[in-house]
Protein backbone atom coordinates (compact mmCIF):
# COMPACT_ATOMS: atom_id res chain seq x y z
CA UNK A 1 25.04 16.14 -5.73
CA UNK A 2 22.23 18.30 -7.11
CA UNK A 3 19.74 20.22 -5.00
CA UNK A 4 16.83 18.03 -6.15
CA UNK A 5 18.66 14.83 -5.19
CA UNK A 6 19.58 16.26 -1.77
CA UNK A 7 15.94 17.19 -1.19
CA UNK A 8 14.82 13.72 -2.25
CA UNK A 9 17.28 12.01 0.11
CA UNK A 10 16.35 14.29 3.02
CA UNK A 11 12.63 13.64 2.51
CA UNK A 12 13.24 9.90 2.29
CA UNK A 13 15.20 9.90 5.56
CA UNK A 14 12.52 11.87 7.38
CA UNK A 15 9.75 9.60 6.07
CA UNK A 16 11.69 6.44 6.98
CA UNK A 17 12.35 7.70 10.53
CA UNK A 18 8.69 8.62 11.08
CA UNK A 19 7.32 5.36 9.68
CA UNK A 20 9.84 3.07 11.41
CA UNK A 21 9.44 4.88 14.73
CA UNK A 22 5.65 4.58 14.54
CA UNK A 23 6.02 0.91 13.59
CA UNK A 24 8.29 0.30 16.57
CA UNK A 25 5.99 2.08 19.02
CA UNK A 26 2.82 0.55 17.56
CA UNK A 27 -0.57 1.20 19.13
CA UNK A 28 -2.02 4.66 18.63
CA UNK A 29 1.19 6.00 17.05
CA UNK A 30 1.05 3.54 14.16
CA UNK A 31 -2.73 3.78 13.86
CA UNK A 32 -2.41 7.54 13.37
CA UNK A 33 0.04 6.97 10.52
CA UNK A 34 -2.18 4.30 8.95
CA UNK A 35 -5.27 6.47 9.35
CA UNK A 36 -3.55 9.54 7.88
CA UNK A 37 -2.56 7.62 4.76
CA UNK A 38 -6.21 6.91 3.84
CA UNK A 39 -7.45 10.54 3.42
CA UNK A 40 -4.14 11.60 1.86
CA UNK A 41 -4.50 8.90 -0.76
CA UNK A 42 -8.15 9.79 -1.37
CA UNK A 43 -7.18 13.45 -1.78
CA UNK A 44 -4.65 12.53 -4.47
CA UNK A 45 -6.94 9.96 -6.10
CA UNK A 46 -9.87 12.38 -6.30
CA UNK A 47 -7.59 15.14 -7.60
CA UNK A 48 -6.03 12.97 -10.31
CA UNK A 49 -9.38 11.54 -11.45
CA UNK A 50 -11.09 14.95 -11.12
CA UNK A 51 -13.95 13.57 -9.02
CA UNK A 52 -14.77 16.96 -7.47
CA UNK A 53 -15.01 18.56 -10.90
CA UNK A 54 -17.47 15.89 -12.06
CA UNK A 55 -19.76 15.86 -9.03
CA UNK A 56 -19.02 17.70 -5.80
CA UNK A 57 -21.69 15.85 -3.78
CA UNK A 58 -20.58 12.33 -4.68
CA UNK A 59 -16.95 13.26 -4.03
CA UNK A 60 -18.00 14.67 -0.65
CA UNK A 61 -19.60 11.29 0.10
CA UNK A 62 -16.29 9.60 -0.71
CA UNK A 63 -14.52 11.97 1.68
CA UNK A 64 -17.07 11.20 4.40
CA UNK A 65 -16.54 7.44 4.18
CA UNK A 66 -12.75 7.67 4.12
CA UNK A 67 -12.65 10.11 7.07
CA UNK A 68 -15.01 7.86 9.07
CA UNK A 69 -12.74 4.88 8.38
CA UNK A 70 -9.70 6.90 9.46
CA UNK A 71 -11.51 7.97 12.62
CA UNK A 72 -12.43 4.38 13.47
CA UNK A 73 -8.80 3.29 13.02
CA UNK A 74 -7.56 5.97 15.45
CA UNK A 75 -10.39 6.32 17.96
CA UNK A 76 -12.38 3.11 17.60
CA UNK A 77 -11.54 -0.57 17.66
CA UNK A 78 -11.39 -0.82 13.83
CA UNK A 79 -14.40 -3.14 13.94
CA UNK A 80 -16.50 -0.68 11.94
CA UNK A 81 -13.85 -0.01 9.32
CA UNK A 82 -14.64 -2.92 6.98
CA UNK A 83 -18.44 -2.45 7.18
CA UNK A 84 -17.92 1.25 6.46
CA UNK A 85 -15.68 0.41 3.51
CA UNK A 86 -18.04 -2.18 2.03
CA UNK A 87 -21.16 -0.11 2.64
CA UNK A 88 -19.54 3.03 1.29
CA UNK A 89 -18.25 1.30 -1.84
CA UNK A 90 -21.61 -0.32 -2.58
CA UNK A 91 -23.46 2.97 -2.00
CA UNK A 92 -21.00 4.79 -4.25
CA UNK A 93 -21.50 2.16 -6.95
CA UNK A 94 -25.27 2.65 -6.73
CA UNK A 95 -24.75 6.40 -7.04
CA UNK A 96 -22.82 5.80 -10.24
CA UNK A 97 -25.44 3.42 -11.63
CA UNK A 98 -28.33 5.73 -10.80
CA UNK A 99 -26.70 9.08 -11.45
CA UNK A 100 -24.20 8.28 -14.15
CA UNK A 101 -21.18 9.37 -12.13
CA UNK A 102 -17.62 8.11 -12.31
CA UNK A 103 -16.56 4.60 -11.33
CA UNK A 104 -13.41 6.18 -9.98
CA UNK A 105 -15.51 7.12 -6.92
CA UNK A 106 -16.06 3.61 -5.49
CA UNK A 107 -12.58 2.70 -6.68
CA UNK A 108 -11.11 5.55 -4.67
CA UNK A 109 -13.05 4.63 -1.55
CA UNK A 110 -11.79 1.04 -1.70
CA UNK A 111 -8.21 1.99 -2.56
CA UNK A 112 -7.87 4.67 0.11
CA UNK A 113 -9.95 2.98 2.82
CA UNK A 114 -8.37 -0.45 2.46
CA UNK A 115 -4.90 1.15 2.58
CA UNK A 116 -5.46 2.36 6.13
CA UNK A 117 -7.39 -0.71 7.26
CA UNK A 118 -4.83 -3.24 6.02
CA UNK A 119 -1.84 -1.36 7.45
CA UNK A 120 -3.44 -1.08 10.90
CA UNK A 121 -4.54 -4.74 10.87
CA UNK A 122 -1.10 -6.02 9.89
CA UNK A 123 0.73 -4.07 12.62
CA UNK A 124 -1.81 -4.96 15.30
CA UNK A 125 -0.80 -4.36 18.90
CA UNK A 126 1.82 -7.03 19.60
CA UNK A 127 5.43 -7.91 18.78
CA UNK A 128 4.40 -10.39 16.10
CA UNK A 129 2.60 -7.59 14.25
CA UNK A 130 5.77 -5.49 14.44
CA UNK A 131 7.78 -8.26 12.77
CA UNK A 132 5.05 -8.85 10.17
CA UNK A 133 5.11 -5.16 9.24
CA UNK A 134 8.90 -5.18 8.95
CA UNK A 135 8.60 -8.29 6.77
CA UNK A 136 6.37 -6.44 4.33
CA UNK A 137 8.64 -3.38 4.41
CA UNK A 138 11.61 -5.63 3.60
CA UNK A 139 9.79 -7.17 0.62
CA UNK A 140 8.54 -3.87 -0.79
CA UNK A 141 11.64 -1.76 -0.17
CA UNK A 142 13.99 -4.50 -1.36
CA UNK A 143 11.91 -4.92 -4.50
CA UNK A 144 11.64 -1.20 -5.18
CA UNK A 145 15.34 -0.37 -4.68
CA UNK A 146 16.86 -3.27 -6.58
CA UNK A 147 14.30 -3.10 -9.39
CA UNK A 148 15.49 0.46 -10.03
CA UNK A 149 19.23 -0.28 -9.95
CA UNK A 150 19.10 -3.63 -11.76
CA UNK A 151 16.82 -2.18 -14.43
CA UNK A 152 19.21 0.71 -15.04
CA UNK A 153 22.29 -1.51 -15.03
CA UNK A 154 21.01 -4.32 -17.27
CA UNK A 155 18.11 -2.80 -19.20
CA UNK A 156 16.52 -5.10 -21.75
CA UNK A 157 12.88 -5.74 -22.71
CA UNK A 158 10.31 -3.38 -21.22
CA UNK A 159 7.90 -4.73 -18.61
CA UNK A 160 4.88 -2.61 -19.58
CA UNK A 161 5.98 0.03 -22.12
CA UNK A 162 2.51 1.55 -22.57
CA UNK A 163 2.07 2.09 -18.83
CA UNK A 164 5.58 2.74 -17.50
CA UNK A 165 8.27 2.90 -20.20
CA UNK A 166 11.13 2.93 -17.70
CA UNK A 167 10.43 -0.46 -16.12
CA UNK A 168 12.15 -3.57 -17.48
CA UNK A 169 11.83 -7.31 -16.99
CA UNK A 170 15.40 -7.43 -15.66
CA UNK A 171 14.48 -4.86 -13.01
CA UNK A 172 11.30 -6.73 -12.09
CA UNK A 173 13.16 -10.03 -11.68
CA UNK A 174 16.06 -8.41 -9.80
CA UNK A 175 13.63 -6.60 -7.53
CA UNK A 176 11.72 -9.79 -6.75
CA UNK A 177 14.91 -11.67 -5.89
CA UNK A 178 15.99 -8.82 -3.62
CA UNK A 179 12.57 -8.59 -1.92
CA UNK A 180 12.48 -12.32 -1.21
CA UNK A 181 16.09 -12.29 0.01
CA UNK A 182 15.60 -9.29 2.32
CA UNK A 183 12.46 -10.70 3.91
CA UNK A 184 14.11 -14.10 4.21
CA UNK A 185 17.08 -12.66 6.08
CA UNK A 186 14.70 -10.80 8.40
CA UNK A 187 12.75 -14.00 9.11
CA UNK A 188 15.92 -15.97 9.79
CA UNK A 189 17.20 -13.25 12.08
CA UNK A 190 14.02 -13.23 14.16
CA UNK A 191 12.91 -16.88 14.15
CA UNK A 192 16.12 -18.75 13.19
CA UNK A 193 14.09 -20.71 10.64
CA UNK A 194 12.64 -20.15 7.22
CA UNK A 195 9.68 -21.97 5.67
CA UNK A 196 8.89 -22.49 2.00
CA UNK A 197 5.47 -20.93 2.66
CA UNK A 198 6.95 -17.70 3.99
CA UNK A 199 9.27 -17.40 0.98
CA UNK A 200 6.43 -18.17 -1.44
CA UNK A 201 4.39 -15.44 0.23
CA UNK A 202 7.32 -13.02 -0.04
CA UNK A 203 7.48 -13.76 -3.78
CA UNK A 204 3.76 -13.11 -4.13
CA UNK A 205 3.98 -9.84 -2.18
CA UNK A 206 6.92 -8.69 -4.30
CA UNK A 207 4.89 -9.28 -7.44
CA UNK A 208 1.89 -7.54 -5.84
CA UNK A 209 4.01 -4.50 -4.98
CA UNK A 210 5.16 -4.20 -8.60
CA UNK A 211 1.58 -4.56 -9.82
CA UNK A 212 0.64 -1.74 -7.44
CA UNK A 213 3.37 0.42 -8.91
CA UNK A 214 2.11 -0.27 -12.43
CA UNK A 215 -1.48 0.38 -11.37
CA UNK A 216 -0.63 3.84 -10.10
CA UNK A 217 1.38 4.52 -13.26
CA UNK A 218 -1.66 3.50 -15.30
CA UNK A 219 -3.90 5.97 -13.45
CA UNK A 220 -1.44 8.83 -13.86
CA UNK A 221 -0.94 8.07 -17.57
CA UNK A 222 -4.71 7.75 -18.04
CA UNK A 223 -5.20 11.31 -16.74
CA UNK A 224 -1.95 12.80 -18.01
CA UNK A 225 -0.42 13.41 -14.57
CA UNK A 226 3.30 13.12 -13.76
CA UNK A 227 3.07 12.99 -9.93
CA UNK A 228 0.10 12.14 -7.75
CA UNK A 229 0.68 15.45 -5.90
CA UNK A 230 3.48 17.58 -4.48
CA UNK A 231 2.95 16.75 -0.81
CA UNK A 232 6.40 15.16 -0.37
CA UNK A 233 9.33 17.36 -1.41
CA UNK A 234 11.41 15.68 -4.10
CA UNK A 235 9.17 12.62 -4.25
CA UNK A 236 5.79 13.77 -5.54
CA UNK A 237 2.79 12.49 -3.65
CA UNK A 238 1.85 9.88 -1.07
CA UNK A 239 0.54 7.51 -3.74
CA UNK A 240 3.89 7.74 -5.52
CA UNK A 241 5.62 6.48 -2.36
CA UNK A 242 3.18 3.83 -1.10
CA UNK A 243 1.75 2.33 -4.30
CA UNK A 244 3.73 -0.90 -3.97
CA UNK A 245 3.29 -1.08 -0.19
CA UNK A 246 -0.47 -0.62 -0.52
CA UNK A 247 -0.90 -3.54 -2.92
CA UNK A 248 1.37 -5.79 -0.83
CA UNK A 249 -0.71 -4.96 2.26
CA UNK A 250 -3.91 -5.57 0.32
CA UNK A 251 -2.65 -8.99 -0.72
CA UNK A 252 -1.57 -10.24 2.70
CA UNK A 253 -4.62 -8.76 4.47
CA UNK A 254 -7.13 -10.30 2.04
CA UNK A 255 -5.29 -13.64 1.98
CA UNK A 256 -5.44 -13.70 5.78
CA UNK A 257 -9.21 -13.13 5.64
CA UNK A 258 -9.58 -15.98 3.14
CA UNK A 259 -7.43 -18.26 5.29
CA UNK A 260 -9.52 -17.40 8.35
CA UNK A 261 -12.76 -18.15 6.47
CA UNK A 262 -11.44 -21.49 5.21
CA UNK A 263 -10.25 -22.57 8.65
CA UNK A 264 -13.50 -21.47 10.27
CA UNK A 265 -11.84 -19.61 13.12
CA UNK A 266 -10.15 -16.25 13.64
CA UNK A 267 -6.37 -16.30 13.27
CA UNK A 268 -4.32 -14.77 16.07
CA UNK A 269 -2.85 -12.19 13.69
CA UNK A 270 -1.59 -11.55 10.19
CA UNK A 271 1.83 -12.55 11.53
CA UNK A 272 0.50 -16.03 12.30
CA UNK A 273 -0.51 -16.33 8.65
CA UNK A 274 2.83 -15.06 7.31
CA UNK A 275 5.17 -17.03 9.56
CA UNK A 276 2.97 -20.02 10.42
CA UNK A 277 3.05 -19.23 14.14
């Protein structure tokens, strides 16, 4: 086993222990993890897209919004997070329209800010939120791991050769099957029942996670970058590790908001939406 592979495995184990422990504990511990992800992602996003080089002041505004969102997740009640995100994104868009800046600025605010907001909202502060978070982990991790191994074993037509030449349709299909199966087993183990809705949602989240992976690959290819950063030894950056998870969280969080709006009342939690509680 080579040194690089050993480093990669060690980093993965440490990350998994930290994330799963914070997920188990919940509350402030998980909120700190969710909040930390937002500025780390914005750091990598702004570095890749060279926002600071284009306009220091507008990039500083992006930092301000993301840090305020992170602070609200940790120290507040998260009630200001979405208004901060929406207001910051709209203001950033106006800055671009009036000053001719980069559209990567509002994009970065939304991508980084919504990452922290959605993670914190999904976990919540109860046992149902813990299970909902594990459900998403099962979908994303199952998809990611099996997509890699199935793609290497079977090969075949490329999924998106211009964006990520290594990804194949066989890997995408194998990953989706694995993600749905893993989350289904988790659901059966916890609730002793499995609904068609929950499996359909798992399928959607698996697809969303792969879209997130392709989206990050597109950004890196657009700017000629191999890794989003070197923050994680052997793995690259935070965006490299959470791209699929971020899009899956986006999907379930936004779908829950839509469901709440359609029903005309606030759902108990994201878990209620996922499992039909």
